[in-house]
Amino acid sequence: MGEGLFSPLHILLIVGIALLLFGPSKFAALGKGLGEGIRNFRSAMKEGEQGPDKKT
């Protein structure tokens, strides 16, 4: 079996417990919010890379 804190079995167990605690609807909303946050962070990082090249 895999060793360490984040072995596949541990991750599945954590996801299962979270699903039981929050229910499917809140779990889906949590995933959607996390995905949107990551997407916004990436777009902000890309804007930050392009910003210093432009002079106003």
N, C-alpha and C. Protein backbone atom coordinates (compact mmCIF):
# COMPACT_ATOMS: atom_id res chain seq x y z
N MET A 1 0.84 -1.18 0.00
CA MET A 1 0.00 0.00 0.00
C MET A 1 0.88 1.24 0.00
N GLY A 2 0.37 2.34 -0.55
CA GLY A 2 1.15 3.56 -0.63
C GLY A 2 1.40 4.17 0.73
N GLU A 3 2.58 4.70 0.92
CA GLU A 3 2.93 5.31 2.19
C GLU A 3 2.80 6.82 2.08
N GLY A 4 2.71 7.47 3.19
CA GLY A 4 2.63 8.91 3.21
C GLY A 4 1.23 9.39 3.53
N LEU A 5 1.12 10.67 3.70
CA LEU A 5 -0.15 11.27 4.10
C LEU A 5 -1.16 11.28 2.98
N PHE A 6 -0.72 11.47 1.75
CA PHE A 6 -1.64 11.62 0.63
C PHE A 6 -1.60 10.42 -0.31
N SER A 7 -1.76 9.24 0.22
CA SER A 7 -1.87 8.07 -0.65
C SER A 7 -3.27 8.06 -1.26
N PRO A 8 -3.47 7.38 -2.38
CA PRO A 8 -4.79 7.37 -3.03
C PRO A 8 -5.93 6.90 -2.10
N LEU A 9 -5.65 5.95 -1.24
CA LEU A 9 -6.69 5.48 -0.32
C LEU A 9 -7.08 6.58 0.67
N HIS A 10 -6.12 7.34 1.15
CA HIS A 10 -6.41 8.43 2.08
C HIS A 10 -7.23 9.51 1.40
N ILE A 11 -6.89 9.84 0.18
CA ILE A 11 -7.62 10.88 -0.55
C ILE A 11 -9.06 10.43 -0.79
N LEU A 12 -9.27 9.18 -1.18
CA LEU A 12 -10.63 8.67 -1.37
C LEU A 12 -11.42 8.68 -0.07
N LEU A 13 -10.78 8.35 1.03
CA LEU A 13 -11.43 8.36 2.32
C LEU A 13 -11.84 9.78 2.72
N ILE A 14 -10.97 10.74 2.50
CA ILE A 14 -11.27 12.14 2.81
C ILE A 14 -12.42 12.65 1.95
N VAL A 15 -12.41 12.33 0.67
CA VAL A 15 -13.49 12.76 -0.22
C VAL A 15 -14.81 12.11 0.20
N GLY A 16 -14.77 10.84 0.57
CA GLY A 16 -15.98 10.16 1.02
C GLY A 16 -16.57 10.78 2.28
N ILE A 17 -15.72 11.11 3.24
CA ILE A 17 -16.18 11.74 4.47
C ILE A 17 -16.75 13.12 4.19
N ALA A 18 -16.09 13.89 3.32
CA ALA A 18 -16.59 15.21 2.97
C ALA A 18 -17.94 15.11 2.27
N LEU A 19 -18.12 14.11 1.42
CA LEU A 19 -19.39 13.90 0.74
C LEU A 19 -20.49 13.57 1.74
N LEU A 20 -20.18 12.76 2.74
CA LEU A 20 -21.17 12.43 3.76
C LEU A 20 -21.52 13.64 4.63
N LEU A 21 -20.53 14.46 4.94
CA LEU A 21 -20.77 15.61 5.81
C LEU A 21 -21.55 16.72 5.11
N PHE A 22 -21.17 17.03 3.88
CA PHE A 22 -21.75 18.19 3.21
C PHE A 22 -22.88 17.85 2.25
N GLY A 23 -22.96 16.63 1.80
CA GLY A 23 -23.98 16.25 0.84
C GLY A 23 -23.53 16.57 -0.58
N PRO A 24 -24.18 15.95 -1.55
CA PRO A 24 -23.75 16.12 -2.94
C PRO A 24 -23.88 17.55 -3.48
N SER A 25 -24.93 18.27 -3.09
CA SER A 25 -25.13 19.62 -3.66
C SER A 25 -24.08 20.60 -3.16
N LYS A 26 -23.78 20.59 -1.87
CA LYS A 26 -22.76 21.50 -1.35
C LYS A 26 -21.37 21.09 -1.81
N PHE A 27 -21.16 19.79 -1.97
CA PHE A 27 -19.87 19.30 -2.43
C PHE A 27 -19.62 19.75 -3.87
N ALA A 28 -20.68 19.72 -4.71
CA ALA A 28 -20.56 20.20 -6.09
C ALA A 28 -20.32 21.70 -6.13
N ALA A 29 -21.00 22.44 -5.28
CA ALA A 29 -20.82 23.89 -5.23
C ALA A 29 -19.41 24.24 -4.76
N LEU A 30 -18.89 23.47 -3.83
CA LEU A 30 -17.53 23.68 -3.36
C LEU A 30 -16.52 23.47 -4.49
N GLY A 31 -16.71 22.41 -5.26
CA GLY A 31 -15.83 22.14 -6.40
C GLY A 31 -15.92 23.22 -7.46
N LYS A 32 -17.13 23.70 -7.71
CA LYS A 32 -17.32 24.77 -8.70
C LYS A 32 -16.62 26.05 -8.24
N GLY A 33 -16.79 26.39 -6.99
CA GLY A 33 -16.15 27.59 -6.45
C GLY A 33 -14.63 27.49 -6.48
N LEU A 34 -14.12 26.32 -6.16
CA LEU A 34 -12.67 26.10 -6.20
C LEU A 34 -12.14 26.23 -7.62
N GLY A 35 -12.86 25.67 -8.57
CA GLY A 35 -12.46 25.76 -9.98
C GLY A 35 -12.46 27.19 -10.49
N GLU A 36 -13.50 27.95 -10.12
CA GLU A 36 -13.56 29.35 -10.53
C GLU A 36 -12.44 30.17 -9.90
N GLY A 37 -12.13 29.87 -8.65
CA GLY A 37 -11.04 30.58 -7.98
C GLY A 37 -9.70 30.33 -8.65
N ILE A 38 -9.44 29.09 -9.02
CA ILE A 38 -8.20 28.75 -9.70
C ILE A 38 -8.15 29.41 -11.07
N ARG A 39 -9.26 29.40 -11.79
CA ARG A 39 -9.33 30.02 -13.11
C ARG A 39 -9.07 31.52 -13.01
N ASN A 40 -9.68 32.20 -12.02
CA ASN A 40 -9.46 33.63 -11.84
C ASN A 40 -8.01 33.93 -11.46
N PHE A 41 -7.42 33.08 -10.64
CA PHE A 41 -6.03 33.27 -10.24
C PHE A 41 -5.11 33.15 -11.44
N ARG A 42 -5.34 32.16 -12.29
CA ARG A 42 -4.51 31.99 -13.48
C ARG A 42 -4.63 33.17 -14.43
N SER A 43 -5.86 33.67 -14.62
CA SER A 43 -6.04 34.82 -15.52
C SER A 43 -5.37 36.06 -14.94
N ALA A 44 -5.41 36.23 -13.63
CA ALA A 44 -4.75 37.37 -13.00
C ALA A 44 -3.23 37.26 -13.13
N MET A 45 -2.71 36.04 -13.04
CA MET A 45 -1.27 35.85 -13.21
C MET A 45 -0.84 36.17 -14.64
N LYS A 46 -1.67 35.78 -15.62
CA LYS A 46 -1.34 36.09 -17.01
C LYS A 46 -1.39 37.59 -17.27
N GLU A 47 -2.36 38.28 -16.67
CA GLU A 47 -2.44 39.73 -16.83
C GLU A 47 -1.23 40.40 -16.18
N GLY A 48 -0.78 39.87 -15.06
CA GLY A 48 0.39 40.42 -14.37
C GLY A 48 1.66 40.26 -15.19
N GLU A 49 1.78 39.18 -15.95
CA GLU A 49 2.94 38.95 -16.79
C GLU A 49 2.94 39.90 -17.98
N GLN A 50 1.78 40.22 -18.51
CA GLN A 50 1.69 41.07 -19.70
C GLN A 50 1.71 42.55 -19.33
N GLY A 51 1.36 42.91 -18.11
CA GLY A 51 1.24 44.29 -17.68
C GLY A 51 2.52 45.11 -17.77
N PRO A 52 3.67 44.69 -17.25
CA PRO A 52 4.86 45.53 -17.25
C PRO A 52 5.41 45.84 -18.64
N ASP A 53 5.08 45.05 -19.66
CA ASP A 53 5.59 45.31 -21.00
C ASP A 53 4.92 46.52 -21.63
N LYS A 54 3.69 46.81 -21.24
CA LYS A 54 2.95 47.93 -21.82
C LYS A 54 3.29 49.21 -21.07
N LYS A 55 3.56 50.28 -21.83
CA LYS A 55 3.83 51.58 -21.20
C LYS A 55 2.69 52.52 -21.55
N THR A 56 2.17 53.21 -20.54
CA THR A 56 1.06 54.15 -20.76
C THR A 56 1.50 55.57 -20.61
